[in-house]
Each structure stands twice: as structure tokens, then as C-alpha cells.
């Protein structure tokens, strides 16, 4: 009598089916990630763009551009003084770069540093129309965003958010301090003659708060 042994084909249990399905899902996800991955070469243009914003690097990069632009467009203080007193709006349009709070004007001043108050020095310019007061930011604190706004080429849309935009202005101010004011002792400027090239925001035609880009003592 022959005994026949039959082997039933093993069917995967429910738990095995779940494992197989899980592995398949992982493979699909990994494939999708690989397809969406961009290889960026270190030091390439994309690599630089994707790095976090560095105010220090930005200031070092942009201040020389601001300096060159302001020097090229700077208007003699006496000429500018007569223009803003005659027609503030026309002078701002002709010489300045528009901002939401008033145009930023480039100016070249030759004169003498006066009394120091806080982070400012009075600056007396011979021939300037009567009634105009000029003060120059001499540090150590440099306030405002006039340097950032002076060229019209630095716009909010170039930055991720308002914080970066503000940091960009501060970074340019800080770079100016190192490049322009770093060798000067602000406490010893009173009475010294100098040529100053800088910018100011035209709000009150008789009150100029100048942020310098270049200071040459005589």
C-alpha cells in the first residue's frame, strides 16, 4: 500500500503580507526622494544661494558698491543746499533716490568738524546757505538705513524677510565704520578740516544728518 504525501502550498499569512507591503512603500518613498534630490556642488552658485544669510559677508560685498555709487553722484554741498531750499521736491527728484520716507541724497562737503554730541559731530561748510545745519555720523554707533537705500539697487524683494533686510542695512553701516571711520578718533575731530562724502535723507531741507562713505582729514 503506497502512501502518498501531499504538500500544500504555503500561503503568506496576514503579518507577512503587511511586511511585504511596508517594504514596498519604503522603496517607493526612497525612489521619490531620490528623484526630487538636487546635487549641489560645494562652492557653486547654487551652494552660495542656499547658505544662510550672512550679514557680515553681505556688508563686505555691498559697501564698496555703495561707496563707488555715492562718490560718483555726490553733489557739492553749496549747490545742493541752494537746490533743496529753492524746491525740495525737485531737488530730491533730480539728485536723490526715492524711499518711502523721503529721497536719499549724495553730497560732498568741505568744511570743519564742530562740537560732538553722542555719535554725531556738527560740520560747518563755508558758503552753505544760511539756516542749514549739517551733522555727520562719526560713531561708534551708526544709525539708519541711508547707506542701504542710497543706490536704489538694494530692494526688499532680494531678501527672505524684513529681518534680513534690516540686517543688510546694519551690515553695510558696520562695514563703513571699519573702512571709513576705523582710523579716526571721533573724540578728536572737533576743529579739524575735512572733506566728507556721504548721504542724507531729505526730510527737513535745513537739517542734514549725513552718513559718510568717505572722510579725508586735511
N, C-alpha and C. Protein backbone atom coordinates (compact mmCIF):
# COMPACT_ATOMS: atom_id res chain seq x y z
N UNK A 1 0.85 -1.18 0.00
CA UNK A 1 0.00 0.00 0.00
C UNK A 1 0.89 1.23 0.00
N UNK A 2 0.69 2.02 -1.06
CA UNK A 2 1.54 3.20 -1.18
C UNK A 2 0.93 4.38 -0.42
N UNK A 3 1.82 5.01 0.23
CA UNK A 3 1.35 6.20 0.97
C UNK A 3 1.78 7.43 0.21
N UNK A 4 0.84 8.25 -0.19
CA UNK A 4 1.16 9.49 -0.92
C UNK A 4 1.06 10.68 0.03
N UNK A 5 2.12 11.37 -0.01
CA UNK A 5 2.15 12.56 0.86
C UNK A 5 1.98 13.78 -0.01
N UNK A 6 1.02 14.58 0.27
CA UNK A 6 0.78 15.80 -0.48
C UNK A 6 1.20 17.01 0.35
N UNK A 7 1.93 17.91 -0.31
CA UNK A 7 2.39 19.13 0.37
C UNK A 7 1.55 20.29 -0.11
N UNK A 8 0.93 20.92 0.80
CA UNK A 8 0.11 22.09 0.44
C UNK A 8 1.01 23.30 0.26
N UNK A 9 0.72 24.09 -0.75
CA UNK A 9 1.50 25.32 -0.97
C UNK A 9 1.22 26.31 0.15
N UNK A 10 2.31 26.76 0.78
CA UNK A 10 2.15 27.67 1.92
C UNK A 10 1.70 29.04 1.42
N UNK A 11 0.71 29.57 2.03
CA UNK A 11 0.20 30.90 1.69
C UNK A 11 0.69 31.91 2.73
N UNK A 12 1.08 33.07 2.27
CA UNK A 12 1.56 34.06 3.24
C UNK A 12 0.47 34.42 4.23
N UNK A 13 0.85 34.50 5.43
CA UNK A 13 -0.09 34.90 6.47
C UNK A 13 -0.33 36.40 6.40
N UNK A 14 -1.28 36.90 7.19
CA UNK A 14 -1.59 38.33 7.19
C UNK A 14 -0.41 39.18 7.59
N UNK A 15 0.38 38.75 8.57
CA UNK A 15 1.52 39.53 9.04
C UNK A 15 2.59 39.64 7.97
N UNK A 16 2.78 38.54 7.20
CA UNK A 16 3.79 38.59 6.14
C UNK A 16 3.37 39.55 5.03
N UNK A 17 2.09 39.56 4.74
CA UNK A 17 1.60 40.49 3.73
C UNK A 17 1.84 41.94 4.13
N UNK A 18 1.67 42.21 5.40
CA UNK A 18 1.90 43.58 5.89
C UNK A 18 3.36 43.97 5.76
N UNK A 19 4.26 43.02 6.04
CA UNK A 19 5.70 43.31 5.95
C UNK A 19 6.08 43.62 4.51
N UNK A 20 5.57 42.76 3.59
CA UNK A 20 5.87 42.97 2.17
C UNK A 20 5.35 44.33 1.70
N UNK A 21 4.14 44.65 2.11
CA UNK A 21 3.55 45.95 1.72
C UNK A 21 4.35 47.10 2.29
N UNK A 22 4.83 46.95 3.52
CA UNK A 22 5.62 48.01 4.16
C UNK A 22 6.92 48.24 3.43
N UNK A 23 7.59 47.13 3.03
CA UNK A 23 8.86 47.25 2.30
C UNK A 23 8.63 47.95 0.96
N UNK A 24 7.55 47.58 0.30
CA UNK A 24 7.24 48.21 -0.99
C UNK A 24 7.01 49.71 -0.84
N UNK A 25 6.34 50.09 0.24
CA UNK A 25 6.07 51.52 0.47
C UNK A 25 7.36 52.28 0.71
N UNK A 26 8.29 51.65 1.48
CA UNK A 26 9.57 52.30 1.76
C UNK A 26 10.36 52.51 0.47
N UNK A 27 10.34 51.48 -0.39
CA UNK A 27 11.05 51.58 -1.67
C UNK A 27 10.49 52.72 -2.51
N UNK A 28 9.16 52.83 -2.53
CA UNK A 28 8.53 53.91 -3.30
C UNK A 28 8.93 55.28 -2.77
N UNK A 29 8.92 55.44 -1.44
CA UNK A 29 9.28 56.73 -0.82
C UNK A 29 10.73 57.09 -1.13
N UNK A 30 11.64 56.10 -0.99
CA UNK A 30 13.05 56.36 -1.27
C UNK A 30 13.25 56.77 -2.73
N UNK A 31 12.51 56.10 -3.62
CA UNK A 31 12.60 56.46 -5.02
C UNK A 31 12.14 57.87 -5.29
N UNK A 32 11.06 58.25 -4.62
CA UNK A 32 10.54 59.61 -4.80
C UNK A 32 11.52 60.65 -4.28
N UNK A 33 12.14 60.37 -3.14
CA UNK A 33 13.13 61.30 -2.57
C UNK A 33 14.31 61.46 -3.51
N UNK A 34 14.78 60.32 -4.05
CA UNK A 34 15.93 60.36 -4.96
C UNK A 34 15.62 61.17 -6.20
N UNK A 35 14.38 61.02 -6.70
CA UNK A 35 14.00 61.75 -7.92
C UNK A 35 13.93 63.25 -7.68
N UNK A 36 13.63 63.64 -6.44
CA UNK A 36 13.46 65.05 -6.11
C UNK A 36 14.73 65.68 -5.54
N UNK A 37 15.79 64.91 -5.43
CA UNK A 37 17.03 65.41 -4.82
C UNK A 37 17.89 66.10 -5.86
N UNK A 38 18.40 67.31 -5.50
CA UNK A 38 19.28 68.07 -6.37
C UNK A 38 20.69 68.01 -5.80
N UNK A 39 21.64 67.59 -6.61
CA UNK A 39 23.03 67.54 -6.18
C UNK A 39 23.64 68.92 -6.38
N UNK A 40 24.15 69.50 -5.28
CA UNK A 40 24.74 70.84 -5.34
C UNK A 40 26.23 70.75 -5.04
N UNK A 41 27.02 71.21 -5.95
CA UNK A 41 28.47 71.19 -5.78
C UNK A 41 28.89 72.29 -4.81
N UNK A 42 29.72 71.94 -3.84
CA UNK A 42 30.19 72.91 -2.86
C UNK A 42 30.95 74.02 -3.57
N UNK A 43 30.58 75.27 -3.23
CA UNK A 43 31.23 76.42 -3.84
C UNK A 43 30.56 76.91 -5.10
N UNK A 44 29.58 76.16 -5.62
CA UNK A 44 28.88 76.57 -6.83
C UNK A 44 27.91 77.71 -6.52
N UNK A 45 27.33 78.27 -7.57
CA UNK A 45 26.36 79.35 -7.39
C UNK A 45 25.19 78.91 -6.54
N UNK A 46 24.66 77.70 -6.81
CA UNK A 46 23.53 77.20 -6.03
C UNK A 46 23.92 77.00 -4.57
N UNK A 47 25.15 76.58 -4.34
CA UNK A 47 25.60 76.35 -2.97
C UNK A 47 25.60 77.67 -2.20
N UNK A 48 26.08 78.74 -2.83
CA UNK A 48 26.14 80.06 -2.17
C UNK A 48 24.74 80.56 -1.89
N UNK A 49 23.82 80.37 -2.83
CA UNK A 49 22.45 80.86 -2.65
C UNK A 49 21.75 80.14 -1.51
N UNK A 50 22.08 78.86 -1.32
CA UNK A 50 21.35 78.07 -0.35
C UNK A 50 21.93 78.17 1.05
N UNK A 51 23.04 78.85 1.20
CA UNK A 51 23.60 79.04 2.53
C UNK A 51 22.75 80.08 3.27
N UNK A 52 22.83 80.05 4.60
CA UNK A 52 22.11 81.03 5.41
C UNK A 52 22.67 82.42 5.15
N UNK A 53 21.80 83.43 5.25
CA UNK A 53 22.22 84.81 5.00
C UNK A 53 23.25 85.25 6.04
N UNK A 54 24.36 85.78 5.57
CA UNK A 54 25.43 86.26 6.45
C UNK A 54 25.52 87.77 6.33
N UNK A 55 25.07 88.53 7.35
CA UNK A 55 25.16 89.99 7.28
C UNK A 55 26.59 90.48 7.07
N UNK A 56 27.55 89.85 7.75
CA UNK A 56 28.94 90.29 7.64
C UNK A 56 29.45 90.17 6.20
N UNK A 57 29.18 89.03 5.60
CA UNK A 57 29.62 88.82 4.22
C UNK A 57 28.89 89.78 3.27
N UNK A 58 27.62 90.01 3.54
CA UNK A 58 26.85 90.91 2.69
C UNK A 58 27.38 92.34 2.78
N UNK A 59 27.67 92.80 4.00
CA UNK A 59 28.19 94.15 4.17
C UNK A 59 29.53 94.33 3.46
N UNK A 60 30.41 93.34 3.59
CA UNK A 60 31.72 93.42 2.94
C UNK A 60 31.59 93.44 1.43
N UNK A 61 30.58 92.75 0.92
CA UNK A 61 30.37 92.68 -0.53
C UNK A 61 29.74 93.96 -1.07
N UNK A 62 28.79 94.53 -0.33
CA UNK A 62 28.00 95.63 -0.87
C UNK A 62 28.54 97.03 -0.58
N UNK A 63 29.24 97.22 0.54
CA UNK A 63 29.68 98.58 0.85
C UNK A 63 30.56 99.19 -0.24
N UNK A 64 31.54 98.46 -0.81
CA UNK A 64 32.33 99.08 -1.88
C UNK A 64 31.48 99.55 -3.05
N UNK A 65 30.38 98.86 -3.34
CA UNK A 65 29.48 99.27 -4.42
C UNK A 65 28.76 100.57 -4.04
N UNK A 66 28.32 100.65 -2.78
CA UNK A 66 27.66 101.87 -2.30
C UNK A 66 28.63 103.03 -2.34
N UNK A 67 29.86 102.81 -1.88
CA UNK A 67 30.89 103.85 -1.88
C UNK A 67 31.11 104.39 -3.29
N UNK A 68 31.30 103.49 -4.25
CA UNK A 68 31.57 103.92 -5.62
C UNK A 68 30.39 104.70 -6.20
N UNK A 69 29.18 104.24 -5.94
CA UNK A 69 27.99 104.90 -6.47
C UNK A 69 27.82 106.30 -5.87
N UNK A 70 27.97 106.41 -4.56
CA UNK A 70 27.78 107.70 -3.89
C UNK A 70 28.86 108.69 -4.32
N UNK A 71 30.09 108.23 -4.42
CA UNK A 71 31.18 109.12 -4.86
C UNK A 71 30.91 109.67 -6.25
N UNK A 72 30.42 108.82 -7.12
CA UNK A 72 30.17 109.22 -8.50
C UNK A 72 29.06 110.26 -8.60
N UNK A 73 28.04 110.15 -7.75
CA UNK A 73 26.86 111.02 -7.86
C UNK A 73 26.86 112.19 -6.88
N UNK A 74 27.85 112.25 -5.98
CA UNK A 74 27.84 113.27 -4.92
C UNK A 74 27.77 114.69 -5.49
N UNK A 75 26.89 115.48 -4.90
CA UNK A 75 26.68 116.87 -5.32
C UNK A 75 27.34 117.81 -4.32
N UNK A 76 27.99 118.83 -4.82
CA UNK A 76 28.61 119.83 -3.93
C UNK A 76 27.57 120.38 -2.96
N UNK A 77 27.97 120.50 -1.70
CA UNK A 77 27.02 120.88 -0.65
C UNK A 77 26.36 122.23 -0.90
N UNK A 78 27.12 123.19 -1.39
CA UNK A 78 26.56 124.53 -1.62
C UNK A 78 25.51 124.47 -2.74
N UNK A 79 25.85 123.76 -3.81
CA UNK A 79 24.89 123.59 -4.91
C UNK A 79 23.63 122.89 -4.42
N UNK A 80 23.82 121.83 -3.65
CA UNK A 80 22.68 121.06 -3.16
C UNK A 80 21.86 121.87 -2.16
N UNK A 81 22.53 122.65 -1.32
CA UNK A 81 21.83 123.47 -0.34
C UNK A 81 20.90 124.47 -1.00
N UNK A 82 21.40 125.15 -2.01
CA UNK A 82 20.56 126.11 -2.73
C UNK A 82 19.39 125.41 -3.42
N UNK A 83 19.64 124.22 -3.93
CA UNK A 83 18.60 123.49 -4.65
C UNK A 83 17.47 123.04 -3.72
N UNK A 84 17.82 122.49 -2.56
CA UNK A 84 16.77 121.98 -1.67
C UNK A 84 15.96 123.11 -1.04
N UNK A 85 16.59 124.27 -0.84
CA UNK A 85 15.85 125.40 -0.29
C UNK A 85 14.93 126.02 -1.34
N UNK A 86 15.36 125.97 -2.59
CA UNK A 86 14.55 126.56 -3.66
C UNK A 86 13.35 125.68 -3.98
N UNK A 87 13.56 124.37 -4.02
CA UNK A 87 12.46 123.45 -4.38
C UNK A 87 12.85 122.06 -3.87
N UNK A 88 12.37 121.73 -2.70
CA UNK A 88 12.72 120.46 -2.06
C UNK A 88 12.37 119.26 -2.94
N UNK A 89 11.16 119.25 -3.48
CA UNK A 89 10.70 118.11 -4.28
C UNK A 89 11.53 117.95 -5.55
N UNK A 90 11.79 119.04 -6.23
CA UNK A 90 12.55 118.98 -7.47
C UNK A 90 13.98 118.52 -7.21
N UNK A 91 14.58 119.02 -6.13
CA UNK A 91 15.94 118.63 -5.80
C UNK A 91 16.02 117.15 -5.45
N UNK A 92 15.02 116.67 -4.71
CA UNK A 92 15.00 115.26 -4.35
C UNK A 92 14.89 114.37 -5.58
N UNK A 93 14.07 114.80 -6.53
CA UNK A 93 13.88 114.03 -7.76
C UNK A 93 15.14 114.05 -8.62
N UNK A 94 15.77 115.21 -8.70
CA UNK A 94 16.94 115.37 -9.57
C UNK A 94 18.17 114.65 -9.03
N UNK A 95 18.41 114.77 -7.73
CA UNK A 95 19.67 114.27 -7.17
C UNK A 95 19.54 112.99 -6.34
N UNK A 96 18.33 112.67 -5.88
CA UNK A 96 18.20 111.62 -4.89
C UNK A 96 17.65 110.31 -5.42
N UNK A 97 17.59 109.35 -4.49
CA UNK A 97 16.96 108.05 -4.72
C UNK A 97 15.75 107.97 -3.81
N UNK A 98 14.59 107.72 -4.38
CA UNK A 98 13.35 107.76 -3.62
C UNK A 98 13.25 106.59 -2.64
N UNK A 99 12.72 106.87 -1.44
CA UNK A 99 12.34 105.85 -0.47
C UNK A 99 10.96 106.20 0.06
N UNK A 100 10.39 105.32 0.87
CA UNK A 100 9.04 105.55 1.38
C UNK A 100 8.98 106.73 2.35
N UNK A 101 10.13 107.13 2.89
CA UNK A 101 10.14 108.22 3.87
C UNK A 101 10.88 109.46 3.37
N UNK A 102 11.21 109.49 2.09
CA UNK A 102 11.91 110.64 1.54
C UNK A 102 13.13 110.22 0.74
N UNK A 103 13.57 111.07 -0.20
CA UNK A 103 14.72 110.72 -1.02
C UNK A 103 16.03 110.76 -0.24
N UNK A 104 16.96 109.90 -0.62
CA UNK A 104 18.31 109.90 -0.05
C UNK A 104 19.23 110.58 -1.05
N UNK A 105 19.93 111.63 -0.59
CA UNK A 105 20.74 112.45 -1.48
C UNK A 105 22.23 112.25 -1.20
N UNK A 106 23.05 112.14 -2.25
CA UNK A 106 24.50 112.08 -2.07
C UNK A 106 25.10 113.48 -2.05
N UNK A 107 26.06 113.71 -1.18
CA UNK A 107 26.59 115.06 -1.03
C UNK A 107 28.08 115.03 -0.76
N UNK A 108 28.77 116.06 -1.23
CA UNK A 108 30.19 116.25 -0.96
C UNK A 108 30.35 117.55 -0.17
N UNK A 109 30.95 117.45 1.01
CA UNK A 109 31.10 118.61 1.90
C UNK A 109 32.57 118.87 2.20
N UNK A 110 32.95 120.10 2.14
CA UNK A 110 34.29 120.51 2.59
C UNK A 110 34.10 121.53 3.70
N UNK A 111 34.68 121.27 4.86
CA UNK A 111 34.48 122.17 5.97
C UNK A 111 35.23 121.73 7.21
N UNK A 112 34.65 122.06 8.37
CA UNK A 112 35.32 121.83 9.66
C UNK A 112 34.38 121.11 10.61
N UNK A 113 34.92 120.10 11.27
CA UNK A 113 34.14 119.40 12.29
C UNK A 113 33.95 120.31 13.50
N UNK A 114 32.70 120.34 13.99
CA UNK A 114 32.38 121.14 15.16
C UNK A 114 32.15 120.28 16.39
N UNK A 115 31.30 120.78 17.29
CA UNK A 115 31.04 120.11 18.56
C UNK A 115 30.51 118.70 18.35
N UNK A 116 30.87 117.84 19.28
CA UNK A 116 30.43 116.45 19.24
C UNK A 116 29.31 116.23 20.25
N UNK A 117 28.26 115.56 19.79
CA UNK A 117 27.15 115.20 20.66
C UNK A 117 26.76 113.76 20.36
N UNK A 118 26.86 112.92 21.38
CA UNK A 118 26.55 111.49 21.21
C UNK A 118 27.42 110.92 20.10
N UNK A 119 26.79 110.42 19.03
CA UNK A 119 27.54 109.79 17.94
C UNK A 119 27.67 110.71 16.72
N UNK A 120 27.48 112.01 16.93
CA UNK A 120 27.46 112.97 15.82
C UNK A 120 28.44 114.11 16.06
N UNK A 121 28.91 114.69 14.96
CA UNK A 121 29.66 115.94 15.02
C UNK A 121 28.99 116.97 14.13
N UNK A 122 28.87 118.20 14.63
CA UNK A 122 28.45 119.28 13.75
C UNK A 122 29.51 119.44 12.66
N UNK A 123 29.07 119.92 11.51
CA UNK A 123 30.03 120.13 10.41
C UNK A 123 29.70 121.45 9.74
N UNK A 124 30.66 122.37 9.75
CA UNK A 124 30.43 123.71 9.22
C UNK A 124 31.02 123.80 7.82
N UNK A 125 30.16 124.16 6.85
CA UNK A 125 30.57 124.25 5.45
C UNK A 125 30.52 125.71 5.01
N UNK A 126 31.64 126.24 4.57
CA UNK A 126 31.69 127.63 4.12
C UNK A 126 30.87 127.79 2.84
N UNK A 127 30.02 128.81 2.82
CA UNK A 127 29.22 129.10 1.64
C UNK A 127 27.87 128.41 1.62
N UNK A 128 27.62 127.55 2.60
CA UNK A 128 26.32 126.87 2.64
C UNK A 128 25.24 127.89 2.98
N UNK A 129 24.09 127.83 2.34
CA UNK A 129 23.03 128.80 2.62
C UNK A 129 22.70 128.89 4.11
N UNK A 130 22.43 130.10 4.55
CA UNK A 130 22.16 130.33 5.97
C UNK A 130 20.94 129.52 6.43
N UNK A 131 21.05 128.96 7.61
CA UNK A 131 19.95 128.23 8.20
C UNK A 131 20.06 126.72 8.08
N UNK A 132 20.96 126.25 7.22
CA UNK A 132 21.14 124.80 7.08
C UNK A 132 22.13 124.29 8.12
N UNK A 133 21.71 123.29 8.88
CA UNK A 133 22.57 122.66 9.88
C UNK A 133 23.00 121.29 9.37
N UNK A 134 24.30 121.03 9.43
CA UNK A 134 24.84 119.75 8.98
C UNK A 134 25.46 119.03 10.16
N UNK A 135 25.08 117.77 10.32
CA UNK A 135 25.72 116.90 11.31
C UNK A 135 26.16 115.64 10.61
N UNK A 136 27.29 115.11 11.05
CA UNK A 136 27.86 113.90 10.43
C UNK A 136 27.91 112.79 11.46
N UNK A 137 27.44 111.61 11.10
CA UNK A 137 27.55 110.45 11.98
C UNK A 137 29.02 110.00 12.02
N UNK A 138 29.60 110.05 13.19
CA UNK A 138 31.01 109.69 13.34
C UNK A 138 31.23 108.51 14.28
N UNK A 139 30.14 107.92 14.77
CA UNK A 139 30.25 106.70 15.57
C UNK A 139 30.55 106.95 17.04
N UNK A 140 30.66 105.87 17.80
CA UNK A 140 30.75 104.49 17.29
C UNK A 140 29.44 103.92 16.73
N UNK A 141 28.29 104.39 17.19
CA UNK A 141 27.03 103.88 16.64
C UNK A 141 26.69 104.62 15.35
N UNK A 142 26.32 103.86 14.33
CA UNK A 142 25.85 104.43 13.06
C UNK A 142 24.42 103.96 12.86
N UNK A 143 23.51 104.89 12.82
CA UNK A 143 22.08 104.55 12.78
C UNK A 143 21.48 104.78 11.40
N UNK A 144 20.34 104.14 11.17
CA UNK A 144 19.60 104.38 9.94
C UNK A 144 19.97 103.43 8.82
N UNK A 145 19.23 103.56 7.72
CA UNK A 145 19.43 102.70 6.56
C UNK A 145 19.74 103.53 5.31
N UNK A 146 20.25 104.74 5.49
CA UNK A 146 20.51 105.61 4.34
C UNK A 146 21.53 105.01 3.38
N UNK A 147 22.56 104.34 3.90
CA UNK A 147 23.55 103.74 3.01
C UNK A 147 22.94 102.60 2.21
N UNK A 148 22.12 101.79 2.88
CA UNK A 148 21.46 100.69 2.18
C UNK A 148 20.58 101.21 1.05
N UNK A 149 19.90 102.33 1.30
CA UNK A 149 18.92 102.85 0.36
C UNK A 149 19.51 103.83 -0.65
N UNK A 150 20.79 104.16 -0.51
CA UNK A 150 21.38 105.26 -1.27
C UNK A 150 21.45 105.02 -2.77
N UNK A 151 21.62 103.77 -3.18
CA UNK A 151 21.80 103.49 -4.61
C UNK A 151 20.50 103.14 -5.32
N UNK A 152 19.50 102.71 -4.58
CA UNK A 152 18.25 102.26 -5.19
C UNK A 152 18.34 100.86 -5.76
N UNK A 153 19.48 100.21 -5.59
CA UNK A 153 19.70 98.88 -6.17
C UNK A 153 19.46 97.75 -5.16
N UNK A 154 19.33 98.10 -3.89
CA UNK A 154 19.08 97.09 -2.86
C UNK A 154 17.61 97.18 -2.48
N UNK A 155 16.86 96.14 -2.79
CA UNK A 155 15.41 96.16 -2.61
C UNK A 155 14.97 95.06 -1.66
N UNK A 156 13.83 95.28 -0.99
CA UNK A 156 13.30 94.31 -0.03
C UNK A 156 13.10 92.93 -0.65
N UNK A 157 12.67 92.90 -1.90
CA UNK A 157 12.39 91.63 -2.57
C UNK A 157 13.60 90.72 -2.73
N UNK A 158 14.80 91.24 -2.51
CA UNK A 158 16.01 90.44 -2.63
C UNK A 158 16.29 89.61 -1.37
N UNK A 159 15.47 89.81 -0.34
CA UNK A 159 15.72 89.17 0.95
C UNK A 159 14.55 88.28 1.34
N UNK A 160 14.82 87.37 2.26
CA UNK A 160 13.81 86.42 2.69
C UNK A 160 12.71 87.08 3.51
N UNK A 161 13.09 88.06 4.35
CA UNK A 161 12.12 88.70 5.23
C UNK A 161 12.63 90.07 5.67
N UNK A 162 11.82 90.74 6.48
CA UNK A 162 12.16 92.08 6.95
C UNK A 162 13.40 92.08 7.83
N UNK A 163 13.60 91.02 8.59
CA UNK A 163 14.77 90.94 9.47
C UNK A 163 16.05 90.96 8.65
N UNK A 164 16.10 90.16 7.59
CA UNK A 164 17.28 90.14 6.73
C UNK A 164 17.50 91.51 6.09
N UNK A 165 16.42 92.16 5.70
CA UNK A 165 16.51 93.48 5.06
C UNK A 165 17.11 94.50 6.02
N UNK A 166 16.66 94.46 7.28
CA UNK A 166 17.23 95.35 8.30
C UNK A 166 18.69 95.00 8.59
N UNK A 167 18.97 93.70 8.67
CA UNK A 167 20.34 93.26 8.93
C UNK A 167 21.29 93.70 7.82
N UNK A 168 20.78 93.73 6.61
CA UNK A 168 21.61 94.18 5.48
C UNK A 168 22.03 95.63 5.66
N UNK A 169 21.08 96.47 6.11
CA UNK A 169 21.40 97.88 6.35
C UNK A 169 22.42 98.05 7.45
N UNK A 170 22.25 97.31 8.54
CA UNK A 170 23.21 97.39 9.65
C UNK A 170 24.58 96.89 9.23
N UNK A 171 24.60 95.84 8.40
CA UNK A 171 25.87 95.27 7.96
C UNK A 171 26.65 96.26 7.09
N UNK A 172 25.96 96.99 6.23
CA UNK A 172 26.63 98.00 5.40
C UNK A 172 27.16 99.12 6.28
N UNK A 173 26.38 99.54 7.28
CA UNK A 173 26.85 100.55 8.22
C UNK A 173 28.11 100.08 8.94
N UNK A 174 28.11 98.84 9.38
CA UNK A 174 29.26 98.31 10.11
C UNK A 174 30.50 98.23 9.23
N UNK A 175 30.30 97.87 7.98
CA UNK A 175 31.44 97.81 7.06
C UNK A 175 31.98 99.20 6.78
N UNK A 176 31.07 100.18 6.68
CA UNK A 176 31.52 101.56 6.50
C UNK A 176 32.36 102.01 7.69
N UNK A 177 31.92 101.65 8.90
CA UNK A 177 32.68 102.03 10.11
C UNK A 177 34.11 101.52 10.03
N UNK A 178 34.27 100.28 9.62
CA UNK A 178 35.61 99.70 9.52
C UNK A 178 36.43 100.37 8.43
N UNK A 179 35.82 100.58 7.27
CA UNK A 179 36.57 101.09 6.13
C UNK A 179 36.82 102.59 6.18
N UNK A 180 35.85 103.34 6.73
CA UNK A 180 35.90 104.80 6.66
C UNK A 180 36.26 105.47 7.98
N UNK A 181 35.69 104.97 9.06
CA UNK A 181 35.88 105.61 10.36
C UNK A 181 36.86 104.87 11.26
N UNK A 182 37.30 103.70 10.81
CA UNK A 182 38.14 102.86 11.66
C UNK A 182 39.44 103.52 12.12
N UNK A 183 40.01 104.38 11.28
CA UNK A 183 41.28 105.02 11.62
C UNK A 183 41.11 106.38 12.29
N UNK A 184 39.86 106.80 12.51
CA UNK A 184 39.61 108.12 13.09
C UNK A 184 39.21 108.00 14.56
N UNK A 185 39.63 108.97 15.36
CA UNK A 185 39.19 109.06 16.75
C UNK A 185 38.10 110.12 16.80
N UNK A 186 36.84 109.73 16.94
CA UNK A 186 35.75 110.71 16.89
C UNK A 186 35.84 111.76 17.98
N UNK A 187 36.49 111.43 19.09
CA UNK A 187 36.62 112.39 20.19
C UNK A 187 37.63 113.50 19.87
N UNK A 188 38.40 113.33 18.80
CA UNK A 188 39.44 114.31 18.46
C UNK A 188 39.17 115.00 17.12
N UNK A 189 37.96 114.91 16.62
CA UNK A 189 37.65 115.51 15.33
C UNK A 189 37.32 116.99 15.40
N UNK A 190 36.85 117.45 16.52
CA UNK A 190 36.44 118.85 16.65
C UNK A 190 37.57 119.79 16.27
N UNK A 191 37.28 120.71 15.35
CA UNK A 191 38.26 121.69 14.92
C UNK A 191 39.08 121.26 13.71
N UNK A 192 38.94 120.04 13.26
CA UNK A 192 39.71 119.56 12.12
C UNK A 192 38.93 119.76 10.82
N UNK A 193 39.67 120.20 9.80
CA UNK A 193 39.05 120.38 8.49
C UNK A 193 39.08 119.06 7.73
N UNK A 194 38.09 118.88 6.88
CA UNK A 194 37.97 117.60 6.18
C UNK A 194 37.08 117.74 4.96
N UNK A 195 37.21 116.76 4.08
CA UNK A 195 36.24 116.57 3.01
C UNK A 195 35.46 115.31 3.33
N UNK A 196 34.16 115.43 3.32
CA UNK A 196 33.28 114.31 3.65
C UNK A 196 32.35 114.04 2.47
N UNK A 197 32.29 112.81 2.05
CA UNK A 197 31.31 112.39 1.05
C UNK A 197 30.36 111.43 1.74
N UNK A 198 29.07 111.67 1.57
CA UNK A 198 28.09 110.83 2.26
C UNK A 198 26.70 111.03 1.71
N UNK A 199 25.72 110.59 2.47
CA UNK A 199 24.32 110.69 2.05
C UNK A 199 23.47 111.15 3.23
N UNK A 200 22.33 111.75 2.91
CA UNK A 200 21.36 112.09 3.95
C UNK A 200 19.96 112.00 3.37
N UNK A 201 19.01 111.75 4.25
CA UNK A 201 17.61 111.67 3.83
C UNK A 201 16.99 113.06 3.88
N UNK A 202 16.41 113.46 2.78
CA UNK A 202 15.83 114.79 2.68
C UNK A 202 14.43 114.81 3.27
N UNK A 203 14.37 115.19 4.53
CA UNK A 203 13.08 115.35 5.22
C UNK A 203 12.88 116.83 5.52
N UNK A 204 13.81 117.40 6.26
CA UNK A 204 13.84 118.84 6.51
C UNK A 204 15.01 119.43 5.73
N UNK A 205 14.76 120.30 4.76
CA UNK A 205 15.85 120.84 3.93
C UNK A 205 16.92 121.58 4.73
N UNK A 206 16.57 122.01 5.94
CA UNK A 206 17.53 122.77 6.74
C UNK A 206 18.24 121.91 7.79
N UNK A 207 17.98 120.62 7.77
CA UNK A 207 18.59 119.75 8.77
C UNK A 207 19.13 118.49 8.09
N UNK A 208 20.44 118.42 7.89
CA UNK A 208 21.06 117.31 7.19
C UNK A 208 21.80 116.42 8.19
N UNK A 209 21.41 115.16 8.25
CA UNK A 209 22.13 114.17 9.06
C UNK A 209 22.86 113.26 8.08
N UNK A 210 24.16 113.49 7.93
CA UNK A 210 24.94 112.84 6.89
C UNK A 210 25.59 111.56 7.43
N UNK A 211 25.39 110.48 6.71
CA UNK A 211 26.12 109.24 6.98
C UNK A 211 27.25 109.18 5.96
N UNK A 212 28.49 109.19 6.41
CA UNK A 212 29.62 109.28 5.46
C UNK A 212 29.93 107.95 4.80
N UNK A 213 30.51 108.03 3.61
CA UNK A 213 31.14 106.86 3.00
C UNK A 213 32.64 107.07 2.89
N UNK A 214 33.05 108.35 2.96
CA UNK A 214 34.47 108.67 2.87
C UNK A 214 34.76 109.94 3.66
N UNK A 215 35.82 109.92 4.44
CA UNK A 215 36.25 111.09 5.21
C UNK A 215 37.75 111.28 5.00
N UNK A 216 38.13 112.45 4.53
CA UNK A 216 39.54 112.76 4.34
C UNK A 216 39.89 113.99 5.18
N UNK A 217 40.71 113.79 6.20
CA UNK A 217 41.17 114.91 7.03
C UNK A 217 42.28 115.66 6.31
N UNK A 218 42.28 116.97 6.49
CA UNK A 218 43.31 117.81 5.84
C UNK A 218 44.38 118.21 6.85
